[in-house]
Amino acid sequence: ADFIKIITMHFLNRKSFLLFAVSSLTLYTGAIANECEDQYNAIIFLSNVCDPVEGSDQCPASCQESLDMLDTACSVDGATISGEPYQASTNLAAALIFVDEPCKSVVGDELLSQVEDTCQDIGTLYLSTSVIFCGDDDTPACSPFCQGVLDGFYRSCAVDDEVMIEDSSTGKMDSTPVSQIRLGGEIFLSEACKEYGKGKEFEGSSTSSSSVSSISIFPVILSLVVSSVCFPSWLA
């Protein structure tokens, strides 16, 4: 009887230890995943790491350091922003809205380095940036960031590709042909960026002009812009 009791206690102790280990690992993984949102909020809302030093037009080194920390934190499986999986093509693009001008190029370079080289991610980025960041006709040249987005869009998308876009009013995902995304985005591009993109074609595309109407892309663009600006959950 004592032997059975010892074996039983040993088994229960091992089981308790395993349950404790699994629970601890789950909490640890969750904490790491939450670091993504914490770091994102720190950059965008809670600190001045990407604010230029007073009296200077230079972006401080702390901005790039914080972006590197964000990349590390958000590369972990399960990393989320406001309960949704972290995506550079939307989350980091939204960050461009909040940082001051001297740091926009730093955040833009980081965005281009983080975004996945797929038509889905680049197409999403093209839509949001063409409306918000690459449509200023007061600038005489298409910025290096906008050039990078355009280059990636045509490099990563084939003529028959489609991009899944969420309708912010319904939550439904709809597929949109890249031909419509292209035409819709071009309406908002600055003249300099339109000139830069002139002659670029998708892989396997013909040189004939598309007859697809760009009107149908307007709701998609507006929906994307709204969903791209991700406010932290504590502000919701």
Protein backbone atom coordinates (compact mmCIF):
# COMPACT_ATOMS: atom_id res chain seq x y z
CA ALA A 1 0.00 0.00 0.00
CA ASP A 2 2.85 2.35 0.83
CA PHE A 3 4.46 1.55 -2.51
CA ILE A 4 1.24 2.36 -4.37
CA LYS A 5 0.93 5.59 -2.38
CA ILE A 6 4.48 6.60 -3.24
CA ILE A 7 3.93 5.85 -6.95
CA THR A 8 0.64 7.77 -6.92
CA MET A 9 2.19 10.80 -5.24
CA HIS A 10 5.11 10.68 -7.68
CA PHE A 11 2.72 10.63 -10.63
CA LEU A 12 0.64 13.50 -9.22
CA ASN A 13 3.75 15.55 -8.57
CA ARG A 14 4.97 14.97 -12.14
CA LYS A 15 1.54 15.85 -13.52
CA SER A 16 1.42 19.03 -11.43
CA PHE A 17 4.89 19.97 -12.59
CA LEU A 18 3.96 19.42 -16.23
CA LEU A 19 0.78 21.47 -15.86
CA PHE A 20 2.78 24.22 -14.18
CA ALA A 21 5.39 24.12 -16.95
CA VAL A 22 2.77 24.28 -19.72
CA SER A 23 0.92 27.13 -17.98
CA SER A 24 4.14 29.06 -17.44
CA LEU A 25 5.14 28.60 -21.07
CA THR A 26 1.71 29.80 -22.22
CA LEU A 27 1.92 32.89 -20.03
CA TYR A 28 5.49 33.54 -21.16
CA THR A 29 4.54 33.24 -24.84
CA GLY A 30 1.57 35.55 -24.31
CA ALA A 31 3.76 38.09 -22.59
CA ILE A 32 6.23 38.03 -25.46
CA ALA A 33 3.41 38.41 -28.00
CA ASN A 34 2.05 41.38 -26.03
CA GLU A 35 5.44 43.04 -26.24
CA CYS A 36 4.63 43.70 -29.90
CA GLU A 37 1.66 45.94 -29.06
CA ASP A 38 3.47 47.49 -26.11
CA GLN A 39 6.43 48.43 -28.29
CA TYR A 40 4.16 49.72 -31.05
CA ASN A 41 2.23 51.91 -28.62
CA ALA A 42 5.47 53.18 -27.13
CA ILE A 43 6.69 54.35 -30.54
CA ILE A 44 3.44 55.85 -31.73
CA PHE A 45 1.61 57.14 -28.67
CA LEU A 46 3.51 56.92 -25.40
CA SER A 47 7.03 58.21 -25.92
CA ASN A 48 9.11 60.62 -27.96
CA VAL A 49 11.59 58.11 -29.38
CA CYS A 50 10.76 59.26 -32.91
CA ASP A 51 10.51 62.95 -32.11
CA PRO A 52 13.37 65.09 -33.43
CA VAL A 53 15.52 66.83 -30.85
CA GLU A 54 14.24 70.34 -30.25
CA GLY A 55 15.87 72.74 -32.67
CA SER A 56 17.01 69.92 -34.95
CA ASP A 57 15.60 68.43 -38.13
CA GLN A 58 17.39 65.11 -37.59
CA CYS A 59 15.63 61.92 -36.54
CA PRO A 60 17.17 60.62 -33.30
CA ALA A 61 18.92 57.24 -33.18
CA SER A 62 16.35 56.14 -30.61
CA CYS A 63 13.76 55.92 -33.40
CA GLN A 64 15.61 53.26 -35.39
CA GLU A 65 16.54 51.43 -32.20
CA SER A 66 12.88 51.28 -31.19
CA LEU A 67 11.87 50.12 -34.68
CA ASP A 68 14.43 47.31 -34.43
CA MET A 69 12.90 46.31 -31.08
CA LEU A 70 9.44 46.40 -32.69
CA ASP A 71 10.59 44.10 -35.48
CA THR A 72 11.97 41.63 -32.93
CA ALA A 73 8.87 41.72 -30.71
CA CYS A 74 6.41 41.42 -33.60
CA SER A 75 8.28 38.57 -35.30
CA VAL A 76 7.10 36.21 -32.53
CA ASP A 77 4.22 33.87 -33.36
CA GLY A 78 0.99 35.24 -31.94
CA ALA A 79 2.10 38.87 -31.93
CA THR A 80 -0.89 41.17 -32.28
CA ILE A 81 -1.88 44.82 -32.45
CA SER A 82 -5.34 45.54 -31.00
CA GLY A 83 -6.14 41.83 -31.11
CA GLU A 84 -5.24 41.41 -34.80
CA PRO A 85 -2.07 39.75 -36.15
CA TYR A 86 0.72 42.26 -36.67
CA GLN A 87 1.20 43.28 -40.31
CA ALA A 88 3.82 45.76 -41.33
CA SER A 89 1.83 46.65 -44.45
CA THR A 90 -0.93 48.17 -42.29
CA ASN A 91 0.37 48.68 -38.74
CA LEU A 92 3.71 50.24 -39.60
CA ALA A 93 2.13 52.17 -42.48
CA ALA A 94 -0.26 53.73 -39.96
CA ALA A 95 2.75 54.71 -37.85
CA LEU A 96 3.83 57.03 -40.67
CA ILE A 97 0.82 59.20 -39.87
CA PHE A 98 1.96 59.87 -36.32
CA VAL A 99 5.72 60.40 -36.56
CA ASP A 100 7.17 63.83 -37.32
CA GLU A 101 8.55 64.65 -40.76
CA PRO A 102 12.26 64.10 -39.95
CA CYS A 103 11.51 60.49 -38.94
CA LYS A 104 9.10 59.57 -41.73
CA SER A 105 11.92 58.39 -43.99
CA VAL A 106 13.33 56.23 -41.18
CA VAL A 107 9.94 54.61 -40.55
CA GLY A 108 9.37 54.30 -44.31
CA ASP A 109 12.66 52.48 -44.81
CA GLU A 110 11.83 50.14 -41.93
CA LEU A 111 8.39 49.51 -43.40
CA LEU A 112 9.84 48.55 -46.78
CA SER A 113 12.31 46.20 -45.09
CA GLN A 114 9.63 44.51 -42.95
CA VAL A 115 6.80 44.14 -45.44
CA GLU A 116 6.63 40.71 -47.01
CA ASP A 117 7.44 40.53 -50.70
CA THR A 118 4.01 39.23 -51.68
CA CYS A 119 1.31 40.78 -53.83
CA GLN A 120 -1.09 40.68 -50.86
CA ASP A 121 1.14 42.75 -48.59
CA ILE A 122 2.63 45.05 -51.22
CA GLY A 123 -0.78 45.60 -52.84
CA THR A 124 -2.25 46.55 -49.47
CA LEU A 125 0.64 48.91 -48.85
CA TYR A 126 0.30 50.46 -52.32
CA LEU A 127 -3.36 51.29 -51.73
CA SER A 128 -2.88 52.95 -48.36
CA THR A 129 0.28 54.87 -49.25
CA SER A 130 -0.98 56.14 -52.60
CA VAL A 131 -3.82 57.88 -50.81
CA ILE A 132 -2.06 59.14 -47.69
CA PHE A 133 1.66 59.51 -48.40
CA CYS A 134 2.35 59.56 -52.13
CA GLY A 135 -0.23 62.03 -53.39
CA ASP A 136 1.30 65.39 -52.49
CA ASP A 137 1.71 67.44 -55.67
CA ASP A 138 3.60 70.10 -53.70
CA THR A 139 6.66 67.85 -53.71
CA PRO A 140 8.65 68.07 -56.97
CA ALA A 141 9.83 64.44 -56.88
CA CYS A 142 8.40 61.06 -55.98
CA SER A 143 10.01 60.18 -52.64
CA PRO A 144 12.35 57.16 -52.32
CA PHE A 145 9.74 55.52 -50.10
CA CYS A 146 6.97 55.91 -52.68
CA GLN A 147 9.33 54.71 -55.40
CA GLY A 148 10.05 51.63 -53.29
CA VAL A 149 6.34 50.92 -52.89
CA LEU A 150 5.72 51.26 -56.63
CA ASP A 151 8.71 49.08 -57.49
CA GLY A 152 7.55 46.41 -55.05
CA PHE A 153 3.97 46.53 -56.32
CA TYR A 154 4.91 45.81 -59.92
CA ARG A 155 7.66 43.37 -58.94
CA SER A 156 5.52 41.26 -56.59
CA CYS A 157 2.18 41.21 -58.43
CA ALA A 158 1.30 39.33 -61.59
CA VAL A 159 -1.41 40.54 -63.93
CA ASP A 160 -3.95 37.96 -62.70
CA ASP A 161 -3.28 38.41 -58.98
CA GLU A 162 -5.91 39.55 -56.53
CA VAL A 163 -5.55 41.20 -53.13
CA MET A 164 -7.84 40.42 -50.20
CA ILE A 165 -9.16 43.61 -48.62
CA GLU A 166 -11.35 43.79 -45.53
CA ASP A 167 -14.47 45.91 -45.63
CA SER A 168 -14.27 47.82 -42.33
CA SER A 169 -18.07 48.23 -42.21
CA THR A 170 -18.89 44.52 -42.58
CA GLY A 171 -15.65 42.76 -41.66
CA LYS A 172 -15.94 40.74 -44.86
CA MET A 173 -12.85 39.98 -46.91
CA ASP A 174 -13.21 40.65 -50.62
CA SER A 175 -10.77 39.89 -53.42
CA THR A 176 -9.85 42.79 -55.67
CA PRO A 177 -7.91 42.39 -58.95
CA VAL A 178 -4.59 44.22 -59.03
CA SER A 179 -5.78 46.00 -62.18
CA GLN A 180 -8.45 47.77 -60.10
CA ILE A 181 -6.02 48.46 -57.28
CA ARG A 182 -3.59 50.00 -59.74
CA LEU A 183 -6.19 52.27 -61.33
CA GLY A 184 -7.67 53.29 -57.99
CA GLY A 185 -4.27 54.11 -56.52
CA GLU A 186 -3.12 56.07 -59.55
CA ILE A 187 -5.96 58.54 -59.09
CA PHE A 188 -4.42 59.69 -55.82
CA LEU A 189 -0.73 59.52 -56.74
CA SER A 190 1.13 62.78 -57.19
CA GLU A 191 2.12 63.74 -60.72
CA ALA A 192 5.75 62.97 -59.87
CA CYS A 193 4.88 59.45 -58.71
CA LYS A 194 2.60 58.89 -61.70
CA GLU A 195 5.53 59.83 -63.92
CA TYR A 196 7.80 57.45 -62.00
CA GLY A 197 5.32 54.60 -62.45
CA LYS A 198 4.70 55.31 -66.12
CA GLY A 199 5.58 52.32 -68.27
CA LYS A 200 5.76 49.85 -65.36
CA GLU A 201 3.79 46.67 -65.94
CA PHE A 202 2.86 43.60 -63.94
CA GLU A 203 4.44 40.28 -64.79
CA GLY A 204 2.72 38.87 -67.86
CA SER A 205 0.60 41.97 -68.45
CA SER A 206 -0.16 43.35 -71.87
CA THR A 207 0.67 46.88 -72.99
CA SER A 208 -2.95 47.62 -73.86
CA SER A 209 -4.84 49.88 -71.48
CA SER A 210 -7.27 48.29 -69.05
CA SER A 211 -10.97 48.90 -69.43
CA VAL A 212 -11.69 48.20 -65.76
CA SER A 213 -13.45 51.11 -64.12
CA SER A 214 -11.65 52.64 -61.17
CA ILE A 215 -14.89 53.79 -59.57
CA SER A 216 -15.46 50.41 -57.90
CA ILE A 217 -12.17 50.69 -56.02
CA PHE A 218 -13.16 53.83 -54.07
CA PRO A 219 -14.99 52.00 -51.25
CA VAL A 220 -12.11 49.53 -51.02
CA ILE A 221 -9.54 52.32 -50.66
CA LEU A 222 -11.55 54.18 -48.04
CA SER A 223 -12.11 50.97 -46.10
CA LEU A 224 -8.41 50.16 -46.19
CA VAL A 225 -7.38 53.62 -45.04
CA VAL A 226 -9.75 53.42 -42.07
CA SER A 227 -8.61 49.92 -41.09
CA SER A 228 -4.94 50.83 -41.53
CA VAL A 229 -5.04 53.41 -38.75
CA CYS A 230 -4.90 50.99 -35.83
CA PHE A 231 -5.44 52.66 -32.48
CA PRO A 232 -4.33 50.77 -29.38
CA SER A 233 -6.94 48.72 -27.57
CA TRP A 234 -6.75 50.95 -24.49
CA LEU A 235 -7.99 53.89 -26.58
CA ALA A 236 -10.93 51.97 -28.03
